[in-house]
């Protein structure tokens, strides 16, 4: 039986029940995650693809590695920004959850 820890409330949940736990206990996190997925599909991935296409079509006319380095820097930059935003959102949700569930937090520490 595989168990995973919720990033917001730190409860261990079976992997098969993790999604149900998030939807029941943390609907604001689920809603934010849906917006993140839409942003990735409609903005980030198309911009990555367009940069790779530009590199493939026009890379031979420019300095060979210059455009590719720009593509790699852009992709790494967006990944780093996404990771930092994810961490900040989870931290904010965790603080808000602890404020609304003070008794649960004290019970898990003892």
PDB file of N, CA and C in Angstrom:
ATOM      1  N   UNK A   1       0.838  -1.164   0.000  1.00  0.00           N
ATOM      2  CA  UNK A   1       0.000   0.000   0.000  1.00  0.00           C
ATOM      3  C   UNK A   1       0.895   1.243   0.000  1.00  0.00           C
ATOM      4  N   UNK A   2       0.757   2.035  -1.018  1.00  0.00           N
ATOM      5  CA  UNK A   2       1.560   3.245  -1.165  1.00  0.00           C
ATOM      6  C   UNK A   2       0.821   4.396  -0.504  1.00  0.00           C
ATOM      7  N   UNK A   3       1.537   5.120   0.337  1.00  0.00           N
ATOM      8  CA  UNK A   3       0.959   6.272   1.023  1.00  0.00           C
ATOM      9  C   UNK A   3       1.739   7.512   0.620  1.00  0.00           C
ATOM     10  N   UNK A   4       1.032   8.619   0.538  1.00  0.00           N
ATOM     11  CA  UNK A   4       1.660   9.892   0.205  1.00  0.00           C
ATOM     12  C   UNK A   4       1.209  10.937   1.211  1.00  0.00           C
ATOM     13  N   UNK A   5       2.024  11.937   1.409  1.00  0.00           N
ATOM     14  CA  UNK A   5       1.740  12.981   2.380  1.00  0.00           C
ATOM     15  C   UNK A   5       1.183  14.205   1.658  1.00  0.00           C
ATOM     16  N   UNK A   6       0.089  14.724   2.195  1.00  0.00           N
ATOM     17  CA  UNK A   6      -0.530  15.920   1.629  1.00  0.00           C
ATOM     18  C   UNK A   6       0.390  17.113   1.875  1.00  0.00           C
ATOM     19  N   UNK A   7       0.689  17.910   0.845  1.00  0.00           N
ATOM     20  CA  UNK A   7       1.600  19.042   1.038  1.00  0.00           C
ATOM     21  C   UNK A   7       1.001  20.176   1.862  1.00  0.00           C
ATOM     22  N   UNK A   8      -0.304  20.175   2.047  1.00  0.00           N
ATOM     23  CA  UNK A   8      -0.948  21.278   2.761  1.00  0.00           C
ATOM     24  C   UNK A   8      -1.190  20.929   4.224  1.00  0.00           C
ATOM     25  N   UNK A   9      -1.811  19.794   4.495  1.00  0.00           N
ATOM     26  CA  UNK A   9      -2.154  19.457   5.881  1.00  0.00           C
ATOM     27  C   UNK A   9      -1.254  18.370   6.472  1.00  0.00           C
ATOM     28  N   UNK A  10      -0.347  17.823   5.718  1.00  0.00           N
ATOM     29  CA  UNK A  10       0.630  16.816   6.151  1.00  0.00           C
ATOM     30  C   UNK A  10       0.007  15.501   6.612  1.00  0.00           C
ATOM     31  N   UNK A  11      -1.205  15.218   6.193  1.00  0.00           N
ATOM     32  CA  UNK A  11      -1.849  13.950   6.514  1.00  0.00           C
ATOM     33  C   UNK A  11      -1.376  12.905   5.507  1.00  0.00           C
ATOM     34  N   UNK A  12      -1.074  11.706   6.000  1.00  0.00           N
ATOM     35  CA  UNK A  12      -0.716  10.626   5.090  1.00  0.00           C
ATOM     36  C   UNK A  12      -1.982   9.990   4.557  1.00  0.00           C
ATOM     37  N   UNK A  13      -2.053   9.885   3.233  1.00  0.00           N
ATOM     38  CA  UNK A  13      -3.236   9.359   2.564  1.00  0.00           C
ATOM     39  C   UNK A  13      -2.771   8.284   1.587  1.00  0.00           C
ATOM     40  N   UNK A  14      -3.599   7.257   1.411  1.00  0.00           N
ATOM     41  CA  UNK A  14      -3.280   6.255   0.395  1.00  0.00           C
ATOM     42  C   UNK A  14      -3.244   6.932  -0.969  1.00  0.00           C
ATOM     43  N   UNK A  15      -2.367   6.460  -1.810  1.00  0.00           N
ATOM     44  CA  UNK A  15      -2.185   7.090  -3.112  1.00  0.00           C
ATOM     45  C   UNK A  15      -3.474   7.110  -3.922  1.00  0.00           C
ATOM     46  N   UNK A  16      -4.276   6.068  -3.798  1.00  0.00           N
ATOM     47  CA  UNK A  16      -5.515   6.015  -4.575  1.00  0.00           C
ATOM     48  C   UNK A  16      -6.557   7.001  -4.053  1.00  0.00           C
ATOM     49  N   UNK A  17      -6.446   7.401  -2.792  1.00  0.00           N
ATOM     50  CA  UNK A  17      -7.404   8.329  -2.201  1.00  0.00           C
ATOM     51  C   UNK A  17      -6.882   9.761  -2.150  1.00  0.00           C
ATOM     52  N   UNK A  18      -5.677   9.982  -2.658  1.00  0.00           N
ATOM     53  CA  UNK A  18      -5.062  11.312  -2.571  1.00  0.00           C
ATOM     54  C   UNK A  18      -5.876  12.369  -3.313  1.00  0.00           C
ATOM     55  N   UNK A  19      -6.321  12.047  -4.493  1.00  0.00           N
ATOM     56  CA  UNK A  19      -7.110  13.006  -5.274  1.00  0.00           C
ATOM     57  C   UNK A  19      -8.430  13.340  -4.566  1.00  0.00           C
ATOM     58  N   UNK A  20      -9.089  12.333  -4.023  1.00  0.00           N
ATOM     59  CA  UNK A  20     -10.338  12.570  -3.288  1.00  0.00           C
ATOM     60  C   UNK A  20     -10.081  13.427  -2.056  1.00  0.00           C
ATOM     61  N   UNK A  21      -8.955  13.198  -1.381  1.00  0.00           N
ATOM     62  CA  UNK A  21      -8.606  14.005  -0.210  1.00  0.00           C
ATOM     63  C   UNK A  21      -8.415  15.463  -0.605  1.00  0.00           C
ATOM     64  N   UNK A  22      -7.682  15.696  -1.677  1.00  0.00           N
ATOM     65  CA  UNK A  22      -7.462  17.089  -2.118  1.00  0.00           C
ATOM     66  C   UNK A  22      -8.770  17.757  -2.477  1.00  0.00           C
ATOM     67  N   UNK A  23      -9.626  17.068  -3.222  1.00  0.00           N
ATOM     68  CA  UNK A  23     -10.889  17.677  -3.647  1.00  0.00           C
ATOM     69  C   UNK A  23     -11.806  17.947  -2.458  1.00  0.00           C
ATOM     70  N   UNK A  24     -11.793  17.071  -1.450  1.00  0.00           N
ATOM     71  CA  UNK A  24     -12.669  17.255  -0.293  1.00  0.00           C
ATOM     72  C   UNK A  24     -12.104  18.258   0.714  1.00  0.00           C
ATOM     73  N   UNK A  25     -10.803  18.192   0.960  1.00  0.00           N
ATOM     74  CA  UNK A  25     -10.208  19.010   2.018  1.00  0.00           C
ATOM     75  C   UNK A  25      -9.604  20.319   1.536  1.00  0.00           C
ATOM     76  N   UNK A  26      -9.173  20.371   0.301  1.00  0.00           N
ATOM     77  CA  UNK A  26      -8.463  21.550  -0.203  1.00  0.00           C
ATOM     78  C   UNK A  26      -8.977  21.956  -1.588  1.00  0.00           C
ATOM     79  N   UNK A  27     -10.243  22.350  -1.704  1.00  0.00           N
ATOM     80  CA  UNK A  27     -10.793  22.694  -3.022  1.00  0.00           C
ATOM     81  C   UNK A  27     -10.123  23.915  -3.646  1.00  0.00           C
ATOM     82  N   UNK A  28      -9.611  24.830  -2.827  1.00  0.00           N
ATOM     83  CA  UNK A  28      -8.921  26.000  -3.384  1.00  0.00           C
ATOM     84  C   UNK A  28      -7.616  25.595  -4.067  1.00  0.00           C
ATOM     85  N   UNK A  29      -6.939  24.576  -3.532  1.00  0.00           N
ATOM     86  CA  UNK A  29      -5.723  24.074  -4.176  1.00  0.00           C
ATOM     87  C   UNK A  29      -6.050  23.391  -5.503  1.00  0.00           C
ATOM     88  N   UNK A  30      -7.139  22.645  -5.523  1.00  0.00           N
ATOM     89  CA  UNK A  30      -7.561  21.959  -6.750  1.00  0.00           C
ATOM     90  C   UNK A  30      -7.935  22.993  -7.817  1.00  0.00           C
ATOM     91  N   UNK A  31      -8.657  24.029  -7.408  1.00  0.00           N
ATOM     92  CA  UNK A  31      -9.049  25.079  -8.353  1.00  0.00           C
ATOM     93  C   UNK A  31      -7.818  25.794  -8.900  1.00  0.00           C
ATOM     94  N   UNK A  32      -6.867  26.109  -8.045  1.00  0.00           N
ATOM     95  CA  UNK A  32      -5.645  26.771  -8.498  1.00  0.00           C
ATOM     96  C   UNK A  32      -4.854  25.857  -9.434  1.00  0.00           C
ATOM     97  N   UNK A  33      -4.834  24.555  -9.128  1.00  0.00           N
ATOM     98  CA  UNK A  33      -4.126  23.600  -9.985  1.00  0.00           C
ATOM     99  C   UNK A  33      -4.731  23.519 -11.378  1.00  0.00           C
ATOM    100  N   UNK A  34      -6.057  23.628 -11.468  1.00  0.00           N
ATOM    101  CA  UNK A  34      -6.707  23.623 -12.783  1.00  0.00           C
ATOM    102  C   UNK A  34      -6.308  24.829 -13.613  1.00  0.00           C
ATOM    103  N   UNK A  35      -6.202  25.978 -12.974  1.00  0.00           N
ATOM    104  CA  UNK A  35      -5.748  27.176 -13.687  1.00  0.00           C
ATOM    105  C   UNK A  35      -4.311  27.049 -14.134  1.00  0.00           C
ATOM    106  N   UNK A  36      -3.504  26.393 -13.311  1.00  0.00           N
ATOM    107  CA  UNK A  36      -2.101  26.177 -13.660  1.00  0.00           C
ATOM    108  C   UNK A  36      -1.978  25.262 -14.877  1.00  0.00           C
ATOM    109  N   UNK A  37      -2.822  24.252 -14.939  1.00  0.00           N
ATOM    110  CA  UNK A  37      -2.799  23.334 -16.082  1.00  0.00           C
ATOM    111  C   UNK A  37      -3.221  24.069 -17.358  1.00  0.00           C
ATOM    112  N   UNK A  38      -4.277  24.870 -17.260  1.00  0.00           N
ATOM    113  CA  UNK A  38      -4.713  25.635 -18.435  1.00  0.00           C
ATOM    114  C   UNK A  38      -3.634  26.605 -18.903  1.00  0.00           C
ATOM    115  N   UNK A  39      -2.962  27.270 -17.975  1.00  0.00           N
ATOM    116  CA  UNK A  39      -1.869  28.178 -18.337  1.00  0.00           C
ATOM    117  C   UNK A  39      -0.759  27.419 -19.057  1.00  0.00           C
ATOM    118  N   UNK A  40      -0.426  26.244 -18.552  1.00  0.00           N
ATOM    119  CA  UNK A  40       0.620  25.441 -19.188  1.00  0.00           C
ATOM    120  C   UNK A  40       0.232  25.030 -20.600  1.00  0.00           C
ATOM    121  N   UNK A  41      -1.007  24.598 -20.773  1.00  0.00           N
ATOM    122  CA  UNK A  41      -1.441  24.100 -22.076  1.00  0.00           C
ATOM    123  C   UNK A  41      -1.568  25.221 -23.096  1.00  0.00           C
ATOM    124  N   UNK A  42      -2.116  26.353 -22.690  1.00  0.00           N
ATOM    125  CA  UNK A  42      -2.423  27.409 -23.649  1.00  0.00           C
ATOM    126  C   UNK A  42      -1.341  28.461 -23.813  1.00  0.00           C
ATOM    127  N   UNK A  43      -0.402  28.569 -22.866  1.00  0.00           N
ATOM    128  CA  UNK A  43       0.609  29.626 -22.964  1.00  0.00           C
ATOM    129  C   UNK A  43       2.022  29.069 -22.985  1.00  0.00           C
ATOM    130  N   UNK A  44       2.374  28.295 -21.959  1.00  0.00           N
ATOM    131  CA  UNK A  44       3.771  27.895 -21.809  1.00  0.00           C
ATOM    132  C   UNK A  44       4.194  26.893 -22.879  1.00  0.00           C
ATOM    133  N   UNK A  45       3.462  25.811 -23.053  1.00  0.00           N
ATOM    134  CA  UNK A  45       3.860  24.810 -24.050  1.00  0.00           C
ATOM    135  C   UNK A  45       3.883  25.370 -25.473  1.00  0.00           C
ATOM    136  N   UNK A  46       2.867  26.154 -25.919  1.00  0.00           N
ATOM    137  CA  UNK A  46       2.970  26.736 -27.266  1.00  0.00           C
ATOM    138  C   UNK A  46       4.164  27.682 -27.433  1.00  0.00           C
ATOM    139  N   UNK A  47       4.504  28.416 -26.376  1.00  0.00           N
ATOM    140  CA  UNK A  47       5.662  29.299 -26.505  1.00  0.00           C
ATOM    141  C   UNK A  47       6.942  28.484 -26.624  1.00  0.00           C
ATOM    142  N   UNK A  48       7.052  27.378 -25.880  1.00  0.00           N
ATOM    143  CA  UNK A  48       8.216  26.508 -26.017  1.00  0.00           C
ATOM    144  C   UNK A  48       8.300  25.930 -27.419  1.00  0.00           C
ATOM    145  N   UNK A  49       7.177  25.443 -27.928  1.00  0.00           N
ATOM    146  CA  UNK A  49       7.156  24.844 -29.263  1.00  0.00           C
ATOM    147  C   UNK A  49       7.543  25.882 -30.319  1.00  0.00           C
ATOM    148  N   UNK A  50       6.998  27.084 -30.202  1.00  0.00           N
ATOM    149  CA  UNK A  50       7.334  28.114 -31.188  1.00  0.00           C
ATOM    150  C   UNK A  50       8.815  28.465 -31.137  1.00  0.00           C
ATOM    151  N   UNK A  51       9.397  28.506 -29.948  1.00  0.00           N
ATOM    152  CA  UNK A  51      10.831  28.778 -29.864  1.00  0.00           C
ATOM    153  C   UNK A  51      11.655  27.659 -30.493  1.00  0.00           C
ATOM    154  N   UNK A  52      11.260  26.411 -30.279  1.00  0.00           N
ATOM    155  CA  UNK A  52      11.973  25.303 -30.907  1.00  0.00           C
ATOM    156  C   UNK A  52      11.825  25.328 -32.430  1.00  0.00           C
ATOM    157  N   UNK A  53      10.644  25.713 -32.920  1.00  0.00           N
ATOM    158  CA  UNK A  53      10.435  25.807 -34.368  1.00  0.00           C
ATOM    159  C   UNK A  53      11.301  26.919 -34.952  1.00  0.00           C
ATOM    160  N   UNK A  54      11.329  28.069 -34.297  1.00  0.00           N
ATOM    161  CA  UNK A  54      12.178  29.170 -34.767  1.00  0.00           C
ATOM    162  C   UNK A  54      13.636  28.742 -34.764  1.00  0.00           C
ATOM    163  N   UNK A  55      14.050  28.033 -33.728  1.00  0.00           N
ATOM    164  CA  UNK A  55      15.430  27.555 -33.672  1.00  0.00           C
ATOM    165  C   UNK A  55      15.712  26.579 -34.811  1.00  0.00           C
ATOM    166  N   UNK A  56      14.760  25.692 -35.086  1.00  0.00           N
ATOM    167  CA  UNK A  56      14.967  24.708 -36.150  1.00  0.00           C
ATOM    168  C   UNK A  56      14.995  25.369 -37.534  1.00  0.00           C
ATOM    169  N   UNK A  57      14.155  26.385 -37.754  1.00  0.00           N
ATOM    170  CA  UNK A  57      14.076  27.007 -39.069  1.00  0.00           C
ATOM    171  C   UNK A  57      15.169  28.044 -39.315  1.00  0.00           C
ATOM    172  N   UNK A  58      15.473  28.831 -38.299  1.00  0.00           N
ATOM    173  CA  UNK A  58      16.387  29.956 -38.507  1.00  0.00           C
ATOM    174  C   UNK A  58      17.700  29.815 -37.773  1.00  0.00           C
ATOM    175  N   UNK A  59      17.885  28.732 -37.075  1.00  0.00           N
ATOM    176  CA  UNK A  59      19.113  28.534 -36.321  1.00  0.00           C
ATOM    177  C   UNK A  59      20.348  28.495 -37.187  1.00  0.00           C
ATOM    178  N   UNK A  60      20.228  28.001 -38.409  1.00  0.00           N
ATOM    179  CA  UNK A  60      21.401  27.908 -39.278  1.00  0.00           C
ATOM    180  C   UNK A  60      21.832  29.266 -39.834  1.00  0.00           C
ATOM    181  N   UNK A  61      20.920  30.273 -39.791  1.00  0.00           N
ATOM    182  CA  UNK A  61      21.262  31.595 -40.288  1.00  0.00           C
ATOM    183  C   UNK A  61      21.897  32.471 -39.207  1.00  0.00           C
ATOM    184  N   UNK A  62      21.720  32.118 -37.973  1.00  0.00           N
ATOM    185  CA  UNK A  62      22.275  32.875 -36.861  1.00  0.00           C
ATOM    186  C   UNK A  62      23.503  32.150 -36.330  1.00  0.00           C
ATOM    187  N   UNK A  63      24.094  32.702 -35.310  1.00  0.00           N
ATOM    188  CA  UNK A  63      25.188  31.998 -34.661  1.00  0.00           C
ATOM    189  C   UNK A  63      24.641  30.658 -34.190  1.00  0.00           C
ATOM    190  N   UNK A  64      25.300  29.569 -34.498  1.00  0.00           N
ATOM    191  CA  UNK A  64      24.714  28.239 -34.307  1.00  0.00           C
ATOM    192  C   UNK A  64      24.131  27.969 -32.918  1.00  0.00           C
ATOM    193  N   UNK A  65      24.843  28.310 -31.885  1.00  0.00           N
ATOM    194  CA  UNK A  65      24.369  27.952 -30.557  1.00  0.00           C
ATOM    195  C   UNK A  65      23.657  29.092 -29.846  1.00  0.00           C
ATOM    196  N   UNK A  66      23.634  30.268 -30.444  1.00  0.00           N
ATOM    197  CA  UNK A  66      23.049  31.423 -29.779  1.00  0.00           C
ATOM    198  C   UNK A  66      21.543  31.256 -29.564  1.00  0.00           C
ATOM    199  N   UNK A  67      20.823  30.906 -30.606  1.00  0.00           N
ATOM    200  CA  UNK A  67      19.379  30.773 -30.503  1.00  0.00           C
ATOM    201  C   UNK A  67      19.000  29.574 -29.633  1.00  0.00           C
ATOM    202  N   UNK A  68      19.747  28.474 -29.775  1.00  0.00           N
ATOM    203  CA  UNK A  68      19.471  27.308 -28.943  1.00  0.00           C
ATOM    204  C   UNK A  68      19.686  27.626 -27.467  1.00  0.00           C
ATOM    205  N   UNK A  69      20.730  28.387 -27.162  1.00  0.00           N
ATOM    206  CA  UNK A  69      20.979  28.788 -25.770  1.00  0.00           C
ATOM    207  C   UNK A  69      19.830  29.647 -25.260  1.00  0.00           C
ATOM    208  N   UNK A  70      19.285  30.502 -26.101  1.00  0.00           N
ATOM    209  CA  UNK A  70      18.134  31.312 -25.701  1.00  0.00           C
ATOM    210  C   UNK A  70      16.916  30.460 -25.426  1.00  0.00           C
ATOM    211  N   UNK A  71      16.697  29.450 -26.254  1.00  0.00           N
ATOM    212  CA  UNK A  71      15.560  28.536 -26.049  1.00  0.00           C
ATOM    213  C   UNK A  71      15.723  27.788 -24.735  1.00  0.00           C
ATOM    214  N   UNK A  72      16.899  27.264 -24.492  1.00  0.00           N
ATOM    215  CA  UNK A  72      17.146  26.525 -23.257  1.00  0.00           C
ATOM    216  C   UNK A  72      16.989  27.441 -22.048  1.00  0.00           C
ATOM    217  N   UNK A  73      17.494  28.663 -22.133  1.00  0.00           N
ATOM    218  CA  UNK A  73      17.370  29.614 -21.022  1.00  0.00           C
ATOM    219  C   UNK A  73      15.899  29.948 -20.760  1.00  0.00           C
ATOM    220  N   UNK A  74      15.128  30.128 -21.821  1.00  0.00           N
ATOM    221  CA  UNK A  74      13.701  30.441 -21.659  1.00  0.00           C
ATOM    222  C   UNK A  74      12.957  29.275 -21.006  1.00  0.00           C
ATOM    223  N   UNK A  75      13.214  28.063 -21.479  1.00  0.00           N
ATOM    224  CA  UNK A  75      12.547  26.886 -20.929  1.00  0.00           C
ATOM    225  C   UNK A  75      12.933  26.704 -19.460  1.00  0.00           C
ATOM    226  N   UNK A  76      14.213  26.795 -19.142  1.00  0.00           N
ATOM    227  CA  UNK A  76      14.636  26.657 -17.754  1.00  0.00           C
ATOM    228  C   UNK A  76      14.055  27.768 -16.882  1.00  0.00           C
ATOM    229  N   UNK A  77      14.006  28.972 -17.418  1.00  0.00           N
ATOM    230  CA  UNK A  77      13.430  30.087 -16.671  1.00  0.00           C
ATOM    231  C   UNK A  77      11.965  29.874 -16.350  1.00  0.00           C
ATOM    232  N   UNK A  78      11.188  29.412 -17.314  1.00  0.00           N
ATOM    233  CA  UNK A  78       9.768  29.180 -17.046  1.00  0.00           C
ATOM    234  C   UNK A  78       9.566  28.034 -16.056  1.00  0.00           C
ATOM    235  N   UNK A  79      10.400  27.011 -16.133  1.00  0.00           N
ATOM    236  CA  UNK A  79      10.296  25.901 -15.181  1.00  0.00           C
ATOM    237  C   UNK A  79      10.631  26.382 -13.772  1.00  0.00           C
ATOM    238  N   UNK A  80      11.673  27.177 -13.630  1.00  0.00           N
ATOM    239  CA  UNK A  80      12.056  27.690 -12.309  1.00  0.00           C
ATOM    240  C   UNK A  80      10.970  28.587 -11.741  1.00  0.00           C
ATOM    241  N   UNK A  81      10.414  29.468 -12.572  1.00  0.00           N
ATOM    242  CA  UNK A  81       9.332  30.341 -12.107  1.00  0.00           C
ATOM    243  C   UNK A  81       8.113  29.516 -11.686  1.00  0.00           C
ATOM    244  N   UNK A  82       7.779  28.489 -12.449  1.00  0.00           N
ATOM    245  CA  UNK A  82       6.639  27.632 -12.105  1.00  0.00           C
ATOM    246  C   UNK A  82       6.871  26.918 -10.776  1.00  0.00           C
ATOM    247  N   UNK A  83       8.070  26.431 -10.550  1.00  0.00           N
ATOM    248  CA  UNK A  83       8.381  25.744  -9.288  1.00  0.00           C
ATOM    249  C   UNK A  83       8.288  26.719  -8.118  1.00  0.00           C
ATOM    250  N   UNK A  84       8.832  27.917  -8.274  1.00  0.00           N
ATOM    251  CA  UNK A  84       8.767  28.905  -7.192  1.00  0.00           C
ATOM    252  C   UNK A  84       7.336  29.329  -6.898  1.00  0.00           C
ATOM    253  N   UNK A  85       6.526  29.507  -7.926  1.00  0.00           N
ATOM    254  CA  UNK A  85       5.123  29.858  -7.711  1.00  0.00           C
ATOM    255  C   UNK A  85       4.372  28.733  -6.999  1.00  0.00           C
ATOM    256  N   UNK A  86       4.669  27.496  -7.372  1.00  0.00           N
ATOM    257  CA  UNK A  86       4.043  26.341  -6.729  1.00  0.00           C
ATOM    258  C   UNK A  86       4.388  26.305  -5.244  1.00  0.00           C
ATOM    259  N   UNK A  87       5.652  26.495  -4.926  1.00  0.00           N
ATOM    260  CA  UNK A  87       6.074  26.481  -3.516  1.00  0.00           C
ATOM    261  C   UNK A  87       5.400  27.601  -2.722  1.00  0.00           C
ATOM    262  N   UNK A  88       5.329  28.790  -3.312  1.00  0.00           N
ATOM    263  CA  UNK A  88       4.705  29.912  -2.611  1.00  0.00           C
ATOM    264  C   UNK A  88       3.220  29.661  -2.387  1.00  0.00           C
ATOM    265  N   UNK A  89       2.530  29.112  -3.378  1.00  0.00           N
ATOM    266  CA  UNK A  89       1.103  28.845  -3.242  1.00  0.00           C
ATOM    267  C   UNK A  89       0.850  27.782  -2.171  1.00  0.00           C
ATOM    268  N   UNK A  90       1.647  26.724  -2.161  1.00  0.00           N
ATOM    269  CA  UNK A  90       1.485  25.683  -1.148  1.00  0.00           C
ATOM    270  C   UNK A  90       1.762  26.252   0.240  1.00  0.00           C
ATOM    271  N   UNK A  91       2.781  27.093   0.368  1.00  0.00           N
ATOM    272  CA  UNK A  91       3.079  27.712   1.661  1.00  0.00           C
ATOM    273  C   UNK A  91       1.912  28.575   2.125  1.00  0.00           C
ATOM    274  N   UNK A  92       1.350  29.381   1.229  1.00  0.00           N
ATOM    275  CA  UNK A  92       0.204  30.224   1.584  1.00  0.00           C
ATOM    276  C   UNK A  92      -1.009  29.395   1.968  1.00  0.00           C
ATOM    277  N   UNK A  93      -1.277  28.328   1.229  1.00  0.00           N
ATOM    278  CA  UNK A  93      -2.403  27.454   1.548  1.00  0.00           C
ATOM    279  C   UNK A  93      -2.191  26.730   2.871  1.00  0.00           C
ATOM    280  N   UNK A  94      -0.951  26.335   3.141  1.00  0.00           N
ATOM    281  CA  UNK A  94      -0.644  25.661   4.398  1.00  0.00           C
ATOM    282  C   UNK A  94      -0.868  26.603   5.582  1.00  0.00           C
ATOM    283  N   UNK A  95      -0.443  27.860   5.450  1.00  0.00           N
ATOM    284  CA  UNK A  95      -0.658  28.842   6.521  1.00  0.00           C
ATOM    285  C   UNK A  95      -2.150  29.075   6.738  1.00  0.00           C
ATOM    286  N   UNK A  96      -2.894  29.223   5.661  1.00  0.00           N
ATOM    287  CA  UNK A  96      -4.340  29.439   5.782  1.00  0.00           C
ATOM    288  C   UNK A  96      -5.020  28.224   6.395  1.00  0.00           C
ATOM    289  N   UNK A  97      -4.580  27.022   6.032  1.00  0.00           N
ATOM    290  CA  UNK A  97      -5.175  25.806   6.584  1.00  0.00           C
ATOM    291  C   UNK A  97      -4.892  25.707   8.080  1.00  0.00           C
ATOM    292  N   UNK A  98      -3.666  26.044   8.496  1.00  0.00           N
ATOM    293  CA  UNK A  98      -3.324  25.986   9.916  1.00  0.00           C
ATOM    294  C   UNK A  98      -4.128  26.995  10.727  1.00  0.00           C
ATOM    295  N   UNK A  99      -4.446  28.135  10.134  1.00  0.00           N
ATOM    296  CA  UNK A  99      -5.255  29.130  10.842  1.00  0.00           C
ATOM    297  C   UNK A  99      -6.682  28.648  11.052  1.00  0.00           C
ATOM    298  N   UNK A 100      -7.215  27.896  10.119  1.00  0.00           N
ATOM    299  CA  UNK A 100      -8.597  27.416  10.235  1.00  0.00           C
ATOM    300  C   UNK A 100      -8.707  26.077  10.955  1.00  0.00           C
ATOM    301  N   UNK A 101      -7.591  25.379  11.165  1.00  0.00           N
ATOM    302  CA  UNK A 101      -7.593  24.071  11.827  1.00  0.00           C
ATOM    303  C   UNK A 101      -6.557  24.035  12.960  1.00  0.00           C
ATOM    304  N   UNK A 102      -6.647  24.906  13.941  1.00  0.00           N
ATOM    305  CA  UNK A 102      -5.612  24.919  14.986  1.00  0.00           C
ATOM    306  C   UNK A 102      -5.631  23.676  15.871  1.00  0.00           C
ATOM    307  N   UNK A 103      -6.796  23.100  16.119  1.00  0.00           N
ATOM    308  CA  UNK A 103      -6.868  21.913  16.976  1.00  0.00           C
ATOM    309  C   UNK A 103      -6.255  20.704  16.302  1.00  0.00           C
ATOM    310  N   UNK A 104      -6.453  20.571  15.011  1.00  0.00           N
ATOM    311  CA  UNK A 104      -5.878  19.448  14.268  1.00  0.00           C
ATOM    312  C   UNK A 104      -4.362  19.541  14.294  1.00  0.00           C
ATOM    313  N   UNK A 105      -3.834  20.734  14.153  1.00  0.00           N
ATOM    314  CA  UNK A 105      -2.385  20.925  14.145  1.00  0.00           C
ATOM    315  C   UNK A 105      -1.783  20.529  15.486  1.00  0.00           C
ATOM    316  N   UNK A 106      -2.432  20.893  16.593  1.00  0.00           N
ATOM    317  CA  UNK A 106      -1.925  20.542  17.907  1.00  0.00           C
ATOM    318  C   UNK A 106      -2.015  19.030  18.146  1.00  0.00           C
ATOM    319  N   UNK A 107      -3.047  18.384  17.627  1.00  0.00           N
ATOM    320  CA  UNK A 107      -3.216  16.939  17.827  1.00  0.00           C
ATOM    321  C   UNK A 107      -2.160  16.142  17.094  1.00  0.00           C
ATOM    322  N   UNK A 108      -1.710  16.616  15.946  1.00  0.00           N
ATOM    323  CA  UNK A 108      -0.709  15.875  15.181  1.00  0.00           C
ATOM    324  C   UNK A 108       0.680  16.039  15.772  1.00  0.00           C
ATOM    325  N   UNK A 109       0.935  17.084  16.550  1.00  0.00           N
ATOM    326  CA  UNK A 109       2.252  17.297  17.131  1.00  0.00           C
ATOM    327  C   UNK A 109       2.484  16.447  18.370  1.00  0.00           C
ATOM    328  N   UNK A 110       1.438  16.028  19.038  1.00  0.00           N
ATOM    329  CA  UNK A 110       1.602  15.251  20.276  1.00  0.00           C
ATOM    330  C   UNK A 110       1.710  13.781  20.019  1.00  0.00           C
TER     331      UNK A 110
END
